[in-house]
Amino acid sequence: MTDDSRPGDAKPKQRGKRGRRRKPPSKRKKALVISAWTAAGVTVLGGTGLGYVYVKLNGNIKGVDINAALGTDRPENVDNGSQDILVLGSDSRSGKNAKYGKDEGVARSDTAMIVHVYQGHKKASVVSIPRDTLITRPECPAKDGGTDPGGRRQMFNTAYEVGGPACAVKTVEKMSGIRMDHYVEVDFTGFKKLIDTLGGVDITTKKPIKDKDSHLDLPAGEHTLDGEQALGLVRTRHGVGDGSDLGRIQLQQAFIKALMDQVKDINLFGNPKKLYDLADSATSAITTDSELDSVKDLAGFANGLKGIGSKDMKMVTLPIQYDPADPNRVLPLERADRQVWDALRADEDIPKSATDKSAGDKGAAGKVVTSD
């Protein structure tokens, strides 16, 4: 879900040659609401506790006041029943994340998705923005309290690096002309813990995936990935496809759908520890905007998304082309991008013609991982 692996990356635990085998899903009634954005760290139980538990879970959630940081320099807030959420994966190397590489004093956001939930909350579109997209970054509040001037031909993921969540939101809003209703962020450690607490994620690999940089080694076949393996998968670039960030985005999208299809039944009354552990992991994993930074608000938000399944979600990569001046960078296809943003602003489906000429979504990486 983030930048290239470093030499210090830990090797994922392998469960035999093919990973831990799937277990037949329980037929017990679901006691947990797993929202569509579980893959980004937003797993929220469908009810909240009281007293100490409520206070503890509330204290886990980190909030950022995006509205106060950006003021009035934002697109119009269109009230048509739809919602737009910026979901980021961050890769700080400090603290528990130090095992994934050298701490350079900054965090980046190499996984970025704009999630549009349509009116009625029965379906959604997700637009992944490649980290290497060269954009004109707007002037933003900087992390040091000053102002970053922005500039032309800046990599998209530098917005978070220089200005944190507020600058990331402002950059997306300037690109799209769409106001973000919410912001959700998850980091390495939170992502791993969340997957482990869920009990792993079932996937099928159509081909072997072996990436020495992410230390992932999966033969073709069925697997239940633990947190370390799941993190390795969504960070993998060189093990599948052409080794580019565009292939990694396809893996991430496939993993999200597998995670959404995952059915993990928990007996609400019979296993309160498991339920608490899941709630504790989920709320500890994320940073949200200030309108979602309580258990009550977050649970209400997730409850509004519970009708959306993987088959109700259209996932695309922002239409781009390789930069003629630097094959390691990509450029927005402005006309095609406008089709995407105009469709979402009007609460309409993204037209297929918008992505026909894009270099994104073209590789074979997206067909390597399934939840079948």
Protein backbone atom coordinates (compact mmCIF):
# COMPACT_ATOMS: atom_id res chain seq x y z
CA MET A 1 0.00 0.00 0.00
CA THR A 2 3.02 2.22 0.02
CA ASP A 3 6.44 2.96 -1.42
CA ASP A 4 9.07 0.46 -2.57
CA SER A 5 10.37 -2.02 -0.07
CA ARG A 6 13.64 -1.31 1.72
CA PRO A 7 16.44 -3.74 2.53
CA GLY A 8 15.28 -3.79 6.15
CA ASP A 9 11.85 -5.20 5.28
CA ALA A 10 10.89 -8.21 7.36
CA LYS A 11 10.06 -11.42 5.59
CA PRO A 12 6.39 -12.36 5.81
CA LYS A 13 5.62 -15.49 7.77
CA GLN A 14 4.86 -18.36 5.44
CA ARG A 15 2.32 -20.98 6.42
CA GLY A 16 3.70 -23.95 4.52
CA LYS A 17 4.35 -23.81 0.84
CA ARG A 18 0.94 -22.44 0.03
CA GLY A 19 0.18 -20.37 3.08
CA ARG A 20 -2.60 -21.25 5.54
CA ARG A 21 -5.43 -22.98 3.71
CA ARG A 22 -8.89 -21.52 3.64
CA LYS A 23 -11.43 -22.65 6.19
CA PRO A 24 -15.05 -23.16 5.16
CA PRO A 25 -16.99 -20.01 6.12
CA SER A 26 -19.20 -20.30 9.19
CA LYS A 27 -22.94 -20.05 8.68
CA ARG A 28 -23.49 -18.17 11.93
CA LYS A 29 -25.28 -14.89 11.62
CA LYS A 30 -22.96 -11.96 10.99
CA ALA A 31 -22.39 -9.86 14.08
CA LEU A 32 -19.98 -7.44 12.46
CA VAL A 33 -20.39 -4.69 9.88
CA ILE A 34 -17.30 -4.68 7.67
CA SER A 35 -17.52 -1.54 5.62
CA ALA A 36 -16.36 -1.16 2.04
CA TRP A 37 -13.27 0.67 3.19
CA THR A 38 -11.98 -2.07 5.45
CA ALA A 39 -9.03 -2.34 3.07
CA ALA A 40 -8.00 1.15 4.03
CA GLY A 41 -8.31 0.41 7.72
CA VAL A 42 -11.92 1.35 8.39
CA THR A 43 -13.40 -1.73 9.97
CA VAL A 44 -16.12 -0.73 12.38
CA LEU A 45 -18.42 -2.91 14.45
CA GLY A 46 -22.13 -2.37 13.91
CA GLY A 47 -22.72 -1.16 17.46
CA THR A 48 -20.66 0.55 20.14
CA GLY A 49 -19.92 -0.27 23.74
CA LEU A 50 -20.45 1.95 26.74
CA GLY A 51 -18.36 3.19 29.64
CA TYR A 52 -14.66 2.33 29.60
CA VAL A 53 -14.78 0.50 26.27
CA TYR A 54 -16.44 3.45 24.54
CA VAL A 55 -13.93 5.91 25.98
CA LYS A 56 -11.01 3.63 25.12
CA LEU A 57 -12.08 3.19 21.51
CA ASN A 58 -12.79 6.90 21.14
CA GLY A 59 -9.30 7.64 22.43
CA ASN A 60 -7.76 5.39 19.77
CA ILE A 61 -9.00 7.42 16.82
CA LYS A 62 -6.80 10.25 15.61
CA GLY A 63 -8.61 13.16 14.01
CA VAL A 64 -7.55 16.04 11.75
CA ASP A 65 -9.66 19.18 11.31
CA ILE A 66 -9.48 19.50 7.52
CA ASN A 67 -12.14 22.22 7.41
CA ALA A 68 -10.21 24.48 9.77
CA ALA A 69 -6.94 23.90 7.91
CA LEU A 70 -8.31 24.68 4.44
CA GLY A 71 -10.91 27.33 5.22
CA THR A 72 -13.07 28.49 2.33
CA ASP A 73 -10.66 27.73 -0.53
CA ARG A 74 -12.50 24.57 -1.48
CA PRO A 75 -14.97 23.34 -4.10
CA GLU A 76 -18.68 23.76 -3.49
CA ASN A 77 -20.20 21.18 -1.17
CA VAL A 78 -22.77 19.51 -3.43
CA ASP A 79 -25.58 18.05 -1.33
CA ASN A 80 -27.04 15.34 -3.58
CA GLY A 81 -26.83 12.38 -1.22
CA SER A 82 -23.47 11.18 -2.52
CA GLN A 83 -20.19 11.15 -0.59
CA ASP A 84 -16.55 11.54 -1.62
CA ILE A 85 -13.80 10.18 0.61
CA LEU A 86 -10.04 10.47 0.20
CA VAL A 87 -8.40 7.26 1.45
CA LEU A 88 -4.61 7.28 1.94
CA GLY A 89 -2.03 4.73 3.01
CA SER A 90 0.94 6.35 4.74
CA ASP A 91 4.47 4.96 5.02
CA SER A 92 6.18 6.68 7.93
CA ARG A 93 9.31 4.72 8.90
CA SER A 94 9.29 5.92 12.51
CA GLY A 95 8.35 3.87 15.56
CA LYS A 96 6.98 0.41 14.77
CA ASN A 97 7.27 1.09 11.06
CA ALA A 98 11.07 1.37 11.23
CA LYS A 99 11.44 -2.29 10.18
CA TYR A 100 10.25 -1.31 6.68
CA GLY A 101 13.17 0.96 5.93
CA LYS A 102 15.25 3.90 7.04
CA ASP A 103 13.40 6.68 8.85
CA GLU A 104 14.03 9.74 6.68
CA GLY A 105 11.92 12.01 8.88
CA VAL A 106 8.97 12.19 6.46
CA ALA A 107 5.92 10.10 5.63
CA ARG A 108 4.53 9.64 2.16
CA SER A 109 1.15 8.59 0.81
CA ASP A 110 1.85 6.10 -1.93
CA THR A 111 -1.66 4.66 -1.86
CA ALA A 112 -4.37 7.16 -2.70
CA MET A 113 -7.97 6.48 -3.63
CA ILE A 114 -10.92 8.77 -4.17
CA VAL A 115 -14.02 6.85 -3.18
CA HIS A 116 -17.34 8.12 -4.55
CA VAL A 117 -20.41 6.65 -2.86
CA TYR A 118 -23.44 7.22 -5.04
CA GLN A 119 -26.78 8.56 -3.85
CA GLY A 120 -28.64 5.78 -2.10
CA HIS A 121 -25.36 4.19 -0.96
CA LYS A 122 -25.86 1.04 -3.02
CA LYS A 123 -22.76 1.35 -5.22
CA ALA A 124 -19.44 3.17 -5.41
CA SER A 125 -16.62 4.14 -7.76
CA VAL A 126 -12.98 4.20 -6.70
CA VAL A 127 -10.31 6.20 -8.54
CA SER A 128 -6.71 5.29 -7.66
CA ILE A 129 -4.14 8.06 -8.17
CA PRO A 130 -0.64 6.79 -9.03
CA ARG A 131 1.93 8.17 -6.62
CA ASP A 132 4.23 9.16 -9.52
CA THR A 133 1.64 11.35 -11.25
CA LEU A 134 3.16 14.74 -12.04
CA ILE A 135 0.76 17.51 -11.09
CA THR A 136 0.68 21.20 -10.26
CA ARG A 137 0.59 21.09 -6.49
CA PRO A 138 -1.30 24.00 -4.92
CA GLU A 139 -0.05 26.23 -2.14
CA CYS A 140 -0.71 24.37 1.11
CA PRO A 141 -0.38 24.71 4.87
CA ALA A 142 2.98 23.09 5.65
CA LYS A 143 3.68 20.67 8.49
CA ASP A 144 6.07 23.15 10.10
CA GLY A 145 3.30 25.70 10.49
CA GLY A 146 4.29 27.79 7.47
CA THR A 147 3.11 27.62 3.88
CA ASP A 148 4.39 25.40 1.09
CA PRO A 149 4.28 27.25 -2.25
CA GLY A 150 3.55 24.15 -4.33
CA GLY A 151 4.65 24.17 -7.96
CA ARG A 152 4.52 22.49 -11.36
CA ARG A 153 5.62 18.93 -12.12
CA GLN A 154 5.44 17.76 -8.53
CA MET A 155 4.82 14.10 -7.75
CA PHE A 156 1.36 13.59 -6.30
CA ASN A 157 2.56 11.83 -3.17
CA THR A 158 4.69 14.84 -2.14
CA ALA A 159 1.51 16.70 -1.13
CA TYR A 160 1.17 14.54 1.98
CA GLU A 161 4.91 14.68 2.58
CA VAL A 162 5.05 18.48 2.77
CA GLY A 163 1.65 19.28 4.23
CA GLY A 164 0.07 16.17 5.67
CA PRO A 165 -3.63 15.33 5.32
CA ALA A 166 -4.77 18.91 4.67
CA CYS A 167 -2.42 19.35 1.71
CA ALA A 168 -3.34 15.94 0.33
CA VAL A 169 -7.02 16.85 0.47
CA LYS A 170 -6.43 20.27 -1.08
CA THR A 171 -4.37 18.75 -3.90
CA VAL A 172 -7.08 16.21 -4.72
CA GLU A 173 -9.75 18.90 -4.62
CA LYS A 174 -7.77 21.12 -7.00
CA MET A 175 -7.23 18.18 -9.36
CA SER A 176 -10.83 17.02 -9.37
CA GLY A 177 -12.92 20.06 -8.56
CA ILE A 178 -14.76 17.82 -6.07
CA ARG A 179 -14.97 18.57 -2.36
CA MET A 180 -13.92 15.66 -0.17
CA ASP A 181 -16.53 14.91 2.46
CA HIS A 182 -14.21 12.72 4.51
CA TYR A 183 -10.58 11.69 4.94
CA VAL A 184 -9.28 8.29 6.12
CA GLU A 185 -5.64 7.26 6.54
CA VAL A 186 -3.97 4.03 7.68
CA ASP A 187 -0.27 3.15 8.12
CA PHE A 188 1.88 0.01 7.85
CA THR A 189 1.50 -1.24 11.42
CA GLY A 190 -2.20 -0.49 11.65
CA PHE A 191 -2.88 -2.30 8.37
CA LYS A 192 -1.00 -5.43 9.48
CA LYS A 193 -2.66 -5.57 12.87
CA LEU A 194 -6.09 -5.10 11.37
CA ILE A 195 -5.66 -8.00 8.93
CA ASP A 196 -4.33 -10.26 11.69
CA THR A 197 -7.24 -9.39 13.96
CA LEU A 198 -9.69 -10.14 11.17
CA GLY A 199 -8.14 -13.59 10.93
CA GLY A 200 -6.44 -13.10 7.59
CA VAL A 201 -7.74 -12.61 4.06
CA ASP A 202 -8.47 -15.39 1.57
CA ILE A 203 -7.06 -14.95 -1.91
CA THR A 204 -6.21 -17.10 -4.90
CA THR A 205 -3.06 -16.42 -6.89
CA LYS A 206 -3.35 -17.47 -10.52
CA LYS A 207 0.43 -17.25 -10.90
CA PRO A 208 3.32 -17.36 -8.42
CA ILE A 209 4.27 -14.02 -6.87
CA LYS A 210 7.89 -13.69 -5.80
CA ASP A 211 9.27 -10.26 -4.98
CA LYS A 212 12.62 -10.05 -3.22
CA ASP A 213 12.00 -6.39 -2.33
CA SER A 214 8.73 -6.97 -0.47
CA HIS A 215 9.93 -10.44 0.62
CA LEU A 216 6.72 -12.02 -0.62
CA ASP A 217 6.86 -15.55 -1.99
CA LEU A 218 3.48 -17.05 -2.85
CA PRO A 219 3.05 -20.04 -5.17
CA ALA A 220 -0.02 -20.23 -7.36
CA GLY A 221 -3.03 -21.44 -5.41
CA GLU A 222 -5.24 -20.60 -2.45
CA HIS A 223 -3.91 -18.72 0.56
CA THR A 224 -5.09 -17.04 3.70
CA LEU A 225 -2.73 -14.10 4.07
CA ASP A 226 -1.78 -12.85 7.50
CA GLY A 227 -1.05 -9.18 8.09
CA GLU A 228 2.62 -9.35 7.10
CA GLN A 229 1.85 -11.23 3.90
CA ALA A 230 -1.04 -8.90 3.03
CA LEU A 231 1.23 -5.90 3.49
CA GLY A 232 3.82 -7.56 1.27
CA LEU A 233 1.20 -8.13 -1.41
CA VAL A 234 -0.06 -4.57 -1.56
CA ARG A 235 3.51 -3.25 -1.59
CA THR A 236 4.68 -5.60 -4.33
CA ARG A 237 5.84 -4.02 -7.58
CA HIS A 238 8.46 -6.31 -9.07
CA GLY A 239 6.85 -9.70 -8.53
CA VAL A 240 4.10 -9.31 -11.12
CA GLY A 241 3.32 -7.38 -14.29
CA ASP A 242 5.82 -4.86 -15.60
CA GLY A 243 7.18 -3.92 -12.17
CA SER A 244 5.61 -0.47 -12.20
CA ASP A 245 3.46 1.34 -9.65
CA LEU A 246 0.53 0.85 -12.06
CA GLY A 247 0.77 -2.91 -11.56
CA ARG A 248 0.91 -2.45 -7.81
CA ILE A 249 -2.31 -0.44 -7.96
CA GLN A 250 -3.99 -3.36 -9.72
CA LEU A 251 -2.84 -5.70 -6.95
CA GLN A 252 -4.17 -3.29 -4.34
CA GLN A 253 -7.54 -3.09 -6.06
CA ALA A 254 -7.75 -6.88 -6.31
CA PHE A 255 -6.86 -7.21 -2.63
CA ILE A 256 -9.54 -4.70 -1.63
CA LYS A 257 -12.18 -6.74 -3.44
CA ALA A 258 -10.94 -9.93 -1.81
CA LEU A 259 -11.10 -8.26 1.57
CA MET A 260 -14.62 -7.01 0.94
CA ASP A 261 -15.69 -10.52 -0.04
CA GLN A 262 -14.22 -11.93 3.14
CA VAL A 263 -16.82 -13.21 5.55
CA LYS A 264 -15.58 -13.32 9.10
CA ASP A 265 -18.44 -14.29 11.40
CA ILE A 266 -18.04 -13.31 15.00
CA ASN A 267 -20.53 -14.29 17.69
CA LEU A 268 -21.27 -10.90 19.20
CA PHE A 269 -22.35 -12.30 22.56
CA GLY A 270 -20.27 -15.45 22.60
CA ASN A 271 -16.89 -13.87 21.81
CA PRO A 272 -16.73 -10.37 23.33
CA LYS A 273 -12.92 -10.44 23.45
CA LYS A 274 -12.69 -11.05 19.71
CA LEU A 275 -15.16 -8.26 19.09
CA TYR A 276 -13.29 -5.86 21.34
CA ASP A 277 -9.94 -6.79 19.78
CA LEU A 278 -11.31 -6.06 16.32
CA ALA A 279 -12.78 -2.73 17.38
CA ASP A 280 -9.55 -1.81 19.17
CA SER A 281 -7.41 -2.69 16.13
CA ALA A 282 -9.68 -0.85 13.72
CA THR A 283 -9.88 2.38 15.69
CA SER A 284 -6.13 2.31 16.42
CA ALA A 285 -5.30 1.87 12.74
CA ILE A 286 -6.77 5.05 11.34
CA THR A 287 -6.59 8.81 11.20
CA THR A 288 -9.78 10.50 10.05
CA ASP A 289 -11.19 13.95 9.50
CA SER A 290 -12.71 15.53 12.60
CA GLU A 291 -16.24 14.58 11.53
CA LEU A 292 -15.41 10.87 11.83
CA ASP A 293 -13.11 10.87 14.86
CA SER A 294 -15.53 9.27 17.31
CA VAL A 295 -16.79 5.71 17.52
CA LYS A 296 -20.38 6.90 17.15
CA ASP A 297 -19.68 8.90 13.98
CA LEU A 298 -17.41 6.24 12.47
CA ALA A 299 -19.91 3.43 13.14
CA GLY A 300 -22.70 5.51 11.63
CA PHE A 301 -20.58 6.18 8.55
CA ALA A 302 -19.72 2.50 8.12
CA ASN A 303 -23.33 1.46 8.67
CA GLY A 304 -24.29 3.66 5.73
CA LEU A 305 -21.90 1.70 3.50
CA LYS A 306 -22.78 -1.84 4.56
CA GLY A 307 -24.94 -2.47 1.49
CA ILE A 308 -21.99 -2.03 -0.88
CA GLY A 309 -20.19 -5.22 -1.92
CA SER A 310 -17.23 -5.79 -4.21
CA LYS A 311 -19.54 -6.34 -7.18
CA ASP A 312 -21.12 -2.93 -6.52
CA MET A 313 -17.80 -1.13 -6.85
CA LYS A 314 -16.14 0.11 -10.03
CA MET A 315 -12.39 0.54 -9.56
CA VAL A 316 -10.23 2.43 -12.05
CA THR A 317 -6.85 4.14 -12.17
CA LEU A 318 -6.83 7.85 -12.94
CA PRO A 319 -6.31 8.11 -16.73
CA ILE A 320 -2.61 8.75 -17.31
CA GLN A 321 0.19 8.39 -19.84
CA TYR A 322 3.89 7.81 -19.31
CA ASP A 323 5.89 11.03 -19.22
CA PRO A 324 7.96 11.29 -22.44
CA ALA A 325 10.68 13.07 -20.46
CA ASP A 326 10.85 10.45 -17.69
CA PRO A 327 9.45 6.90 -18.03
CA ASN A 328 9.37 6.61 -14.24
CA ARG A 329 6.70 9.32 -14.04
CA VAL A 330 3.19 9.58 -15.45
CA LEU A 331 1.11 12.52 -16.64
CA PRO A 332 -2.65 13.03 -16.32
CA LEU A 333 -4.69 12.68 -19.50
CA GLU A 334 -6.53 15.92 -18.92
CA ARG A 335 -9.54 15.35 -21.17
CA ALA A 336 -10.08 11.81 -19.92
CA ASP A 337 -9.55 12.91 -16.31
CA ARG A 338 -12.21 15.55 -16.79
CA GLN A 339 -14.62 12.84 -17.91
CA VAL A 340 -13.96 10.96 -14.68
CA TRP A 341 -14.37 13.97 -12.39
CA ASP A 342 -17.41 15.31 -14.25
CA ALA A 343 -19.13 11.94 -13.93
CA LEU A 344 -18.50 11.72 -10.19
CA ARG A 345 -19.56 15.31 -9.61
CA ALA A 346 -22.83 14.55 -11.40
CA ASP A 347 -23.19 11.30 -9.40
CA GLU A 348 -23.00 9.27 -12.61
CA ASP A 349 -21.04 6.17 -13.60
CA ILE A 350 -17.53 6.70 -14.97
CA PRO A 351 -17.77 6.21 -18.75
CA LYS A 352 -15.66 3.41 -20.18
CA SER A 353 -14.34 5.81 -22.81
CA ALA A 354 -12.55 7.77 -20.07
CA THR A 355 -10.02 4.97 -19.46
CA ASP A 356 -9.73 3.50 -22.97
CA LYS A 357 -6.49 5.35 -23.81
CA SER A 358 -5.00 5.30 -20.33
CA ALA A 359 -1.79 3.43 -19.49
CA GLY A 360 -3.42 2.40 -16.21
CA ASP A 361 -5.51 -0.76 -15.74
CA LYS A 362 -3.86 -2.33 -18.79
CA GLY A 363 -1.35 -4.72 -17.28
CA ALA A 364 -1.81 -8.35 -16.25
CA ALA A 365 -1.27 -7.74 -12.52
CA GLY A 366 -4.97 -7.27 -11.83
CA LYS A 367 -5.71 -10.81 -13.03
CA VAL A 368 -3.12 -12.48 -10.82
CA VAL A 369 -5.05 -12.18 -7.54
CA THR A 370 -8.71 -13.09 -7.08
CA SER A 371 -11.03 -13.95 -4.22
CA ASP A 372 -12.54 -16.94 -6.06
